[in-house]
Protein backbone atom coordinates (compact mmCIF):
# COMPACT_ATOMS: atom_id res chain seq x y z
CA UNK A 1 -6.29 -105.32 -68.25
CA UNK A 2 -3.89 -107.05 -70.64
CA UNK A 3 -3.28 -103.64 -72.32
CA UNK A 4 -2.31 -102.05 -69.00
CA UNK A 5 -0.02 -104.94 -68.18
CA UNK A 6 1.63 -104.55 -71.65
CA UNK A 7 2.11 -100.87 -70.98
CA UNK A 8 3.89 -101.42 -67.68
CA UNK A 9 6.16 -104.02 -69.25
CA UNK A 10 7.71 -101.24 -71.27
CA UNK A 11 10.93 -100.19 -69.66
CA UNK A 12 10.86 -96.76 -71.22
CA UNK A 13 7.36 -96.10 -70.15
CA UNK A 14 8.02 -97.13 -66.58
CA UNK A 15 11.16 -94.85 -66.38
CA UNK A 16 9.31 -91.88 -67.73
CA UNK A 17 6.25 -92.62 -65.57
CA UNK A 18 8.33 -92.90 -62.34
CA UNK A 19 10.15 -89.62 -63.15
CA UNK A 20 6.85 -87.80 -63.82
CA UNK A 21 5.24 -89.23 -60.65
CA UNK A 22 8.22 -88.09 -58.57
CA UNK A 23 7.93 -84.57 -59.98
CA UNK A 24 4.16 -84.57 -59.43
CA UNK A 25 4.51 -86.02 -55.87
CA UNK A 26 7.06 -83.32 -54.93
CA UNK A 27 4.66 -80.57 -56.13
CA UNK A 28 1.95 -82.04 -53.86
CA UNK A 29 4.00 -82.98 -50.77
CA UNK A 30 6.55 -80.12 -50.58
CA UNK A 31 3.89 -77.37 -50.03
CA UNK A 32 2.44 -79.42 -47.10
CA UNK A 33 5.86 -79.42 -45.46
CA UNK A 34 6.94 -75.87 -46.39
CA UNK A 35 3.84 -73.75 -45.93
CA UNK A 36 5.47 -70.39 -46.58
CA UNK A 37 4.44 -68.17 -49.45
CA UNK A 38 6.62 -69.21 -52.50
CA UNK A 39 6.81 -65.56 -53.56
CA UNK A 40 7.69 -64.22 -50.13
CA UNK A 41 10.67 -61.90 -50.46
CA UNK A 42 13.17 -63.17 -47.85
CA UNK A 43 16.43 -61.52 -49.00
CA UNK A 44 16.85 -57.68 -49.18
CA UNK A 45 18.99 -58.06 -52.31
CA UNK A 46 19.52 -60.03 -55.50
CA UNK A 47 20.72 -63.55 -55.98
CA UNK A 48 21.85 -64.74 -52.49
CA UNK A 49 23.92 -67.96 -53.06
CA UNK A 50 22.77 -71.36 -51.77
CA UNK A 51 23.62 -72.16 -48.17
CA UNK A 52 22.46 -71.93 -44.53
CA UNK A 53 21.84 -68.44 -43.22
CA UNK A 54 21.87 -67.58 -39.51
CA UNK A 55 21.09 -64.45 -37.57
CA UNK A 56 24.37 -62.53 -37.19
CA UNK A 57 23.04 -60.52 -34.22
CA UNK A 58 21.97 -63.72 -32.38
CA UNK A 59 25.28 -65.41 -33.25
CA UNK A 60 27.19 -62.43 -31.77
CA UNK A 61 25.18 -62.31 -28.56
CA UNK A 62 24.99 -66.11 -27.99
CA UNK A 63 27.29 -67.63 -25.42
CA UNK A 64 30.11 -69.24 -27.38
CA UNK A 65 31.74 -72.60 -27.26
CA UNK A 66 35.56 -72.64 -27.23
CA UNK A 67 36.77 -74.96 -29.97
CA UNK A 68 40.36 -75.50 -31.16
CA UNK A 69 39.59 -76.08 -34.77
CA UNK A 70 42.00 -75.67 -37.69
CA UNK A 71 41.63 -72.28 -39.33
CA UNK A 72 40.70 -72.51 -43.01
CA UNK A 73 42.54 -69.30 -43.90
CA UNK A 74 46.00 -68.72 -42.47
CA UNK A 75 46.32 -64.99 -41.74
CA UNK A 76 50.04 -64.94 -42.39
CA UNK A 77 49.63 -66.70 -45.68
CA UNK A 78 47.05 -64.03 -46.69
CA UNK A 79 49.21 -61.19 -45.48
CA UNK A 80 52.42 -62.38 -47.18
CA UNK A 81 51.82 -62.51 -50.87
CA UNK A 82 54.46 -63.54 -53.34
CA UNK A 83 55.85 -59.99 -53.80
CA UNK A 84 56.01 -59.41 -50.03
CA UNK A 85 57.89 -62.59 -49.43
CA UNK A 86 60.43 -61.63 -52.10
CA UNK A 87 60.87 -58.26 -50.34
CA UNK A 88 61.40 -60.02 -47.03
CA UNK A 89 63.93 -62.49 -48.54
CA UNK A 90 65.89 -59.57 -50.16
CA UNK A 91 66.02 -57.65 -46.85
CA UNK A 92 67.13 -60.73 -44.86
CA UNK A 93 69.97 -61.44 -47.29
CA UNK A 94 71.24 -57.96 -48.02
CA UNK A 95 70.55 -56.07 -44.70
CA UNK A 96 70.49 -58.84 -42.03
CA UNK A 97 73.07 -61.11 -43.51
CA UNK A 98 70.92 -64.29 -43.32
CA UNK A 99 72.05 -67.09 -45.60
CA UNK A 100 69.66 -67.78 -48.50
CA UNK A 101 69.68 -71.47 -47.52
CA UNK A 102 68.09 -70.66 -44.26
CA UNK A 103 65.16 -68.75 -45.82
CA UNK A 104 62.12 -70.72 -46.91
CA UNK A 105 59.66 -68.40 -48.58
CA UNK A 106 56.98 -71.10 -48.77
CA UNK A 107 56.80 -71.36 -44.91
CA UNK A 108 55.00 -68.14 -43.88
CA UNK A 109 55.46 -68.73 -40.12
CA UNK A 110 59.19 -69.41 -40.37
CA UNK A 111 59.61 -66.41 -42.70
CA UNK A 112 57.74 -64.17 -40.26
CA UNK A 113 59.90 -65.42 -37.30
CA UNK A 114 63.08 -64.64 -39.23
CA UNK A 115 61.71 -61.24 -40.04
CA UNK A 116 60.88 -60.39 -36.41
CA UNK A 117 64.26 -61.68 -35.29
CA UNK A 118 66.18 -59.52 -37.70
CA UNK A 119 64.17 -56.45 -38.39
CA UNK A 120 63.98 -53.41 -36.08
CA UNK A 121 61.75 -50.57 -37.25
CA UNK A 122 63.80 -48.04 -35.19
CA UNK A 123 66.96 -48.90 -37.13
CA UNK A 124 67.79 -46.71 -40.17
CA UNK A 125 69.16 -49.32 -42.54
CA UNK A 126 71.82 -48.09 -44.98
CA UNK A 127 71.39 -48.23 -48.72
CA UNK A 128 67.62 -48.04 -48.64
CA UNK A 129 65.53 -45.18 -49.98
CA UNK A 130 62.91 -43.51 -47.86
CA UNK A 131 60.16 -45.17 -49.82
CA UNK A 132 61.78 -48.59 -49.21
CA UNK A 133 62.06 -47.96 -45.52
CA UNK A 134 58.27 -47.05 -45.37
CA UNK A 135 57.42 -50.15 -47.36
CA UNK A 136 59.41 -52.36 -44.83
CA UNK A 137 57.61 -50.68 -41.99
CA UNK A 138 54.25 -51.50 -43.63
CA UNK A 139 55.37 -55.07 -44.04
CA UNK A 140 56.27 -55.21 -40.33
CA UNK A 141 52.90 -53.71 -39.36
CA UNK A 142 51.10 -56.31 -41.55
CA UNK A 143 53.05 -59.17 -39.91
CA UNK A 144 52.31 -57.80 -36.41
CA UNK A 145 48.67 -57.51 -37.25
CA UNK A 146 48.55 -61.07 -38.70
CA UNK A 147 50.35 -62.56 -35.71
CA UNK A 148 48.38 -60.67 -33.10
CA UNK A 149 45.69 -62.52 -31.28
CA UNK A 150 42.57 -61.64 -33.10
CA UNK A 151 39.34 -60.50 -31.65
CA UNK A 152 36.28 -58.59 -32.63
CA UNK A 153 35.01 -56.18 -30.02
CA UNK A 154 31.34 -55.55 -29.57
CA UNK A 155 30.69 -52.16 -28.00
CA UNK A 156 27.60 -50.24 -26.94
CA UNK A 157 27.13 -46.53 -26.31
CA UNK A 158 27.24 -45.49 -22.66
CA UNK A 159 25.31 -42.78 -20.90
CA UNK A 160 28.03 -40.25 -21.62
CA UNK A 161 28.05 -41.16 -25.35
CA UNK A 162 31.35 -43.08 -25.09
CA UNK A 163 31.59 -46.60 -26.45
CA UNK A 164 31.90 -49.30 -23.79
CA UNK A 165 33.16 -52.81 -24.61
CA UNK A 166 30.49 -55.47 -24.01
CA UNK A 167 32.09 -58.51 -25.54
CA UNK A 168 35.10 -59.69 -27.54
CA UNK A 169 34.70 -62.48 -30.16
CA UNK A 170 37.88 -64.52 -30.62
CA UNK A 171 39.02 -67.05 -33.17
CA UNK A 172 38.25 -69.94 -30.89
CA UNK A 173 34.65 -68.80 -30.22
CA UNK A 174 31.99 -70.97 -31.91
CA UNK A 175 28.22 -71.19 -31.71
CA UNK A 176 25.88 -74.18 -32.34
CA UNK A 177 23.60 -73.20 -35.32
CA UNK A 178 20.69 -74.91 -33.43
CA UNK A 179 20.89 -72.10 -30.86
CA UNK A 180 20.10 -69.36 -33.34
CA UNK A 181 17.58 -68.51 -36.02
CA UNK A 182 18.59 -70.11 -39.30
CA UNK A 183 17.21 -70.46 -42.77
CA UNK A 184 18.30 -73.14 -45.23
CA UNK A 185 18.20 -72.03 -48.86
CA UNK A 186 19.36 -75.03 -50.89
CA UNK A 187 19.04 -73.01 -54.16
CA UNK A 188 19.58 -69.57 -52.74
CA UNK A 189 17.37 -66.68 -53.72
CA UNK A 190 16.31 -65.08 -56.95
CA UNK A 191 16.44 -61.43 -58.19
CA UNK A 192 13.60 -60.56 -55.80
CA UNK A 193 15.16 -62.29 -52.82
CA UNK A 194 12.77 -65.25 -52.91
CA UNK A 195 13.55 -68.84 -51.99
CA UNK A 196 14.27 -70.42 -55.40
CA UNK A 197 13.49 -73.98 -54.30
CA UNK A 198 10.06 -73.13 -52.91
CA UNK A 199 9.37 -70.92 -55.91
CA UNK A 200 10.54 -73.71 -58.30
CA UNK A 201 8.10 -76.28 -56.78
CA UNK A 202 5.21 -73.77 -57.04
CA UNK A 203 6.21 -72.83 -60.57
CA UNK A 204 6.41 -76.50 -61.64
CA UNK A 205 2.97 -77.05 -60.30
CA UNK A 206 1.68 -74.06 -62.21
CA UNK A 207 3.34 -75.07 -65.45
CA UNK A 208 2.03 -78.68 -65.16
CA UNK A 209 -1.40 -77.17 -64.75
CA UNK A 210 -0.95 -75.09 -67.83
CA UNK A 211 0.39 -78.11 -69.81
CA UNK A 212 -2.54 -80.23 -68.73
CA UNK A 213 -5.22 -77.74 -69.62
CA UNK A 214 -3.56 -76.83 -72.88
CA UNK A 215 -3.14 -80.54 -73.79
CA UNK A 216 -6.74 -81.35 -72.98
CA UNK A 217 -8.03 -78.41 -75.01
CA UNK A 218 -5.84 -79.14 -78.02
CA UNK A 219 -6.50 -82.85 -77.89
CA UNK A 220 -10.26 -82.32 -77.53
CA UNK A 221 -10.38 -79.93 -80.55
CA UNK A 222 -8.08 -82.12 -82.62
CA UNK A 223 -10.02 -85.31 -81.78
CA UNK A 224 -13.41 -83.82 -82.56
CA UNK A 225 -12.40 -82.33 -85.88
CA UNK A 226 -10.36 -85.30 -86.83
CA UNK A 227 -13.20 -87.80 -86.12
CA UNK A 228 -15.64 -85.56 -87.97
CA UNK A 229 -13.39 -85.07 -90.94
CA UNK A 230 -12.30 -88.63 -91.27
CA UNK A 231 -15.73 -90.16 -90.86
CA UNK A 232 -17.92 -87.85 -92.88
CA UNK A 233 -15.46 -87.17 -95.79
CA UNK A 234 -16.66 -85.12 -98.76
CA UNK A 235 -17.40 -81.41 -98.28
CA UNK A 236 -17.04 -81.57 -94.45
CA UNK A 237 -13.62 -83.21 -94.79
CA UNK A 238 -12.49 -80.58 -97.37
CA UNK A 239 -13.71 -77.68 -95.21
CA UNK A 240 -12.10 -78.94 -92.01
CA UNK A 241 -8.82 -79.72 -93.74
CA UNK A 242 -8.85 -76.30 -95.46
CA UNK A 243 -9.03 -74.61 -92.05
CA UNK A 244 -6.46 -77.09 -90.60
CA UNK A 245 -4.02 -76.40 -93.39
CA UNK A 246 -4.37 -72.61 -92.88
CA UNK A 247 -3.35 -73.06 -89.24
CA UNK A 248 -0.58 -75.48 -90.35
CA UNK A 249 0.92 -73.12 -92.89
CA UNK A 250 1.11 -70.24 -90.36
CA UNK A 251 3.50 -71.22 -87.56
CA UNK A 252 1.36 -71.88 -84.44
CA UNK A 253 3.81 -69.90 -82.23
CA UNK A 254 3.24 -66.73 -84.31
CA UNK A 255 -0.54 -67.17 -83.92
CA UNK A 256 0.06 -67.80 -80.24
CA UNK A 257 2.05 -64.61 -79.91
CA UNK A 258 -0.61 -62.54 -81.72
CA UNK A 259 -3.47 -63.89 -79.62
CA UNK A 260 -1.55 -63.50 -76.35
CA UNK A 261 -0.65 -59.92 -77.20
CA UNK A 262 -4.18 -59.06 -78.21
CA UNK A 263 -5.59 -60.42 -74.99
CA UNK A 264 -3.60 -57.86 -72.93
CA UNK A 265 -1.77 -58.15 -69.66
CA UNK A 266 -4.78 -57.66 -67.40
CA UNK A 267 -6.66 -60.71 -68.73
CA UNK A 268 -3.67 -62.97 -69.32
CA UNK A 269 -3.82 -65.26 -66.38
CA UNK A 270 -2.57 -68.80 -66.03
CA UNK A 271 -5.73 -70.48 -67.31
CA UNK A 272 -6.15 -67.97 -70.11
CA UNK A 273 -2.68 -68.68 -71.32
CA UNK A 274 -3.32 -72.41 -71.10
CA UNK A 275 -6.49 -72.14 -73.24
CA UNK A 276 -4.74 -69.89 -75.72
CA UNK A 277 -1.98 -72.47 -76.16
CA UNK A 278 -4.59 -75.22 -76.50
CA UNK A 279 -6.57 -73.56 -79.21
CA UNK A 280 -3.46 -72.93 -81.32
CA UNK A 281 -1.96 -76.48 -80.97
CA UNK A 282 -4.70 -78.77 -82.41
CA UNK A 283 -3.95 -78.87 -86.23
CA UNK A 284 -1.42 -81.84 -86.10
CA UNK A 285 -3.68 -83.84 -83.87
CA UNK A 286 -6.56 -83.23 -86.24
CA UNK A 287 -4.59 -84.49 -89.22
CA UNK A 288 -3.26 -87.58 -87.38
CA UNK A 289 -6.69 -88.48 -86.03
CA UNK A 290 -8.24 -87.99 -89.44
CA UNK A 291 -5.83 -90.37 -91.07
CA UNK A 292 -6.51 -93.04 -88.40
CA UNK A 293 -10.30 -92.67 -88.84
CA UNK A 294 -10.08 -92.95 -92.71
CA UNK A 295 -8.23 -96.23 -92.30
CA UNK A 296 -11.07 -97.55 -89.98
CA UNK A 297 -14.25 -96.15 -91.49
CA UNK A 298 -14.51 -98.88 -94.14
CA UNK A 299 -13.65 -101.84 -91.84
CA UNK A 300 -16.11 -104.68 -91.73
CA UNK A 301 -17.28 -104.01 -88.16
CA UNK A 302 -17.99 -100.38 -89.00
CA UNK A 303 -19.88 -101.30 -92.19
CA UNK A 304 -21.91 -103.84 -90.13
CA UNK A 305 -22.82 -101.13 -87.67
CA UNK A 306 -23.96 -98.92 -90.53
CA UNK A 307 -26.06 -101.64 -91.98
CA UNK A 308 -27.60 -102.27 -88.59
CA UNK A 309 -28.85 -98.70 -88.56
CA UNK A 310 -26.65 -97.46 -85.72
CA UNK A 311 -26.29 -93.64 -85.46
CA UNK A 312 -23.14 -91.83 -86.44
CA UNK A 313 -22.26 -90.98 -82.83
CA UNK A 314 -22.62 -94.58 -81.76
CA UNK A 315 -20.43 -95.83 -84.58
CA UNK A 316 -17.76 -93.26 -83.80
CA UNK A 317 -17.77 -93.83 -80.04
CA UNK A 318 -18.12 -97.65 -80.11
CA UNK A 319 -16.48 -98.78 -83.37
CA UNK A 320 -13.82 -96.17 -84.12
CA UNK A 321 -12.77 -94.31 -80.99
CA UNK A 322 -11.73 -97.43 -78.98
CA UNK A 323 -9.31 -98.34 -81.83
CA UNK A 324 -7.54 -95.02 -81.66
CA UNK A 325 -7.76 -94.45 -77.97
CA UNK A 326 -4.12 -95.39 -77.45
CA UNK A 327 -3.07 -92.87 -80.11
CA UNK A 328 -5.20 -90.19 -78.48
CA UNK A 329 -3.49 -90.81 -75.13
CA UNK A 330 -0.09 -90.50 -76.73
CA UNK A 331 -1.19 -87.29 -78.51
CA UNK A 332 -2.40 -85.90 -75.18
CA UNK A 333 1.01 -86.66 -73.58
CA UNK A 334 2.77 -84.81 -76.34
CA UNK A 335 0.39 -81.92 -76.15
CA UNK A 336 1.07 -81.56 -72.40
CA UNK A 337 4.80 -81.42 -73.03
CA UNK A 338 4.28 -78.98 -75.91
CA UNK A 339 2.04 -76.75 -73.71
CA UNK A 340 4.72 -76.50 -70.99
CA UNK A 341 7.38 -75.53 -73.52
CA UNK A 342 5.03 -73.03 -75.21
CA UNK A 343 4.37 -71.28 -71.90
CA UNK A 344 8.12 -71.06 -71.27
CA UNK A 345 8.64 -69.54 -74.71
CA UNK A 346 5.85 -67.05 -74.25
CA UNK A 347 7.06 -65.95 -70.81
CA UNK A 348 10.64 -65.51 -72.10
CA UNK A 349 9.34 -62.80 -74.52
CA UNK A 350 7.10 -61.21 -71.92
CA UNK A 351 3.74 -62.64 -73.14
CA UNK A 352 3.25 -65.27 -70.45
CA UNK A 353 0.90 -65.19 -67.56
CA UNK A 354 0.61 -61.69 -66.06
CA UNK A 355 0.37 -62.65 -62.34
CA UNK A 356 2.01 -61.67 -59.07
CA UNK A 357 0.31 -64.47 -57.10
CA UNK A 358 2.24 -67.49 -58.42
CA UNK A 359 5.09 -68.36 -60.67
CA UNK A 360 5.62 -70.53 -63.68
CA UNK A 361 8.89 -72.10 -65.03
CA UNK A 362 8.76 -69.59 -67.95
CA UNK A 363 8.30 -66.53 -65.63
CA UNK A 364 11.26 -67.69 -63.52
CA UNK A 365 13.43 -67.86 -66.63
CA UNK A 366 12.25 -64.38 -67.68
CA UNK A 367 13.08 -62.92 -64.32
CA UNK A 368 16.49 -64.47 -64.19
CA UNK A 369 17.20 -63.21 -67.77
CA UNK A 370 15.97 -59.73 -67.03
CA UNK A 371 18.30 -59.38 -64.10
CA UNK A 372 21.31 -60.98 -65.95
CA UNK A 373 21.61 -64.01 -63.74
CA UNK A 374 23.53 -65.78 -66.57
CA UNK A 375 26.08 -62.93 -66.69
CA UNK A 376 26.83 -62.53 -62.99
CA UNK A 377 27.23 -66.26 -62.26
CA UNK A 378 23.95 -66.78 -60.37
CA UNK A 379 23.39 -70.21 -61.86
CA UNK A 380 20.95 -71.23 -59.16
CA UNK A 381 18.37 -68.78 -60.50
CA UNK A 382 17.99 -70.34 -63.96
CA UNK A 383 19.77 -73.75 -64.17
CA UNK A 384 17.31 -75.57 -61.89
CA UNK A 385 14.44 -74.18 -63.98
CA UNK A 386 16.03 -75.35 -67.26
CA UNK A 387 16.73 -78.74 -65.66
CA UNK A 388 13.08 -79.03 -64.52
CA UNK A 389 11.64 -78.17 -67.91
CA UNK A 390 14.03 -80.64 -69.59
CA UNK A 391 13.15 -83.32 -66.98
CA UNK A 392 9.46 -82.97 -67.44
CA UNK A 393 9.75 -83.05 -71.26
CA UNK A 394 12.07 -86.08 -71.05
CA UNK A 395 9.70 -88.03 -68.80
CA UNK A 396 6.62 -87.33 -70.97
CA UNK A 397 8.39 -88.10 -74.16
CA UNK A 398 9.81 -91.31 -72.66
CA UNK A 399 6.37 -92.31 -71.72
CA UNK A 400 5.13 -91.59 -75.18
CA UNK A 401 7.89 -93.66 -76.74
CA UNK A 402 7.06 -96.48 -74.45
CA UNK A 403 3.37 -96.47 -75.39
CA UNK A 404 4.31 -96.26 -79.04
CA UNK A 405 6.42 -99.43 -78.65
CA UNK A 406 3.48 -101.18 -77.08
CA UNK A 407 0.68 -100.11 -79.44
CA UNK A 408 2.59 -99.74 -82.72
CA UNK A 409 2.78 -103.29 -84.36
CA UNK A 410 5.79 -102.24 -86.36
CA UNK A 411 7.83 -101.39 -83.25
CA UNK A 412 6.94 -104.45 -81.18
CA UNK A 413 9.68 -106.85 -80.46
């Protein structure tokens, strides 16, 4: 009990623990609220941006509300670019005799009024080429179009095949989004048109599962071999350390790639990948546990148990394991973090879980990379995934640092 209290007095552990619990809680609660399939293809296209989507057909047919709201984009401002305004200014001064001081090219409405007051498309102005006159007529038509009361006409085909106007949508027509079907996509869609947020939550859950299984497998193998090697010593120690050194010399990720490739796509499911990661990640745990056991095997309480005739298993589980339990927990936390990162690395090179039923953080990164999300500006397809991987690793490593401060006498305040 005192040990647990000491752990929760560590600020770093508490921060990491809270972050991890929030992530885990989201993975549990979110699917209860949003029950749709995380891999359902909603969008008929690639990388729809984040936002709220409503049915355009329903919006057009819904009875509108008339609201006098400020228009975000002034049509005259859009129609009169810098070059067009210069042309208008030149015409007003040279052909219409307007003083330059009366012309404000920054005020689109005033400039358009001056134009309409002084320009007549029927007049053949002197000193202008035919091309210049045509250009002025195009400017006049553009201004007329921008100043005209806008309206989008909805028509349907009549019995005689002619189009008949059903409805006109004007600038002042608005609808309430509650009246039409809508879909909120806070993180948009991915390359397959799937809701990125729902997919991200499901992928995080899958990656946490992979990390947990991989961590348990790696820690179990490392703990078993480390205890055996450290306690027995002699030939057993040399044999175990020889095998451990072989795995240490060869980069574990290379072994991971070779095993994943040899398994094949058909058999490479989520649990298979997790186990493969686990059985390639145990060497450093074995070496660390071995060193801890060597420092404990000649302690007085262990020697007393030996003299009392206790079995090797009892000595290991009652006199040695409790003293390294905190270290084993820290090793498990690091193995979980390493397992999540290893899955992401494997998936990025196409050797991750071969599944169409669920997603992982690594698979989401692979899909975004394959469809060049980083090149076309679709940040929502990959940045939340990177952030989630970093956040999980940060929380687990912060928890591990907090535990190390509690259990390591050299780091205690």
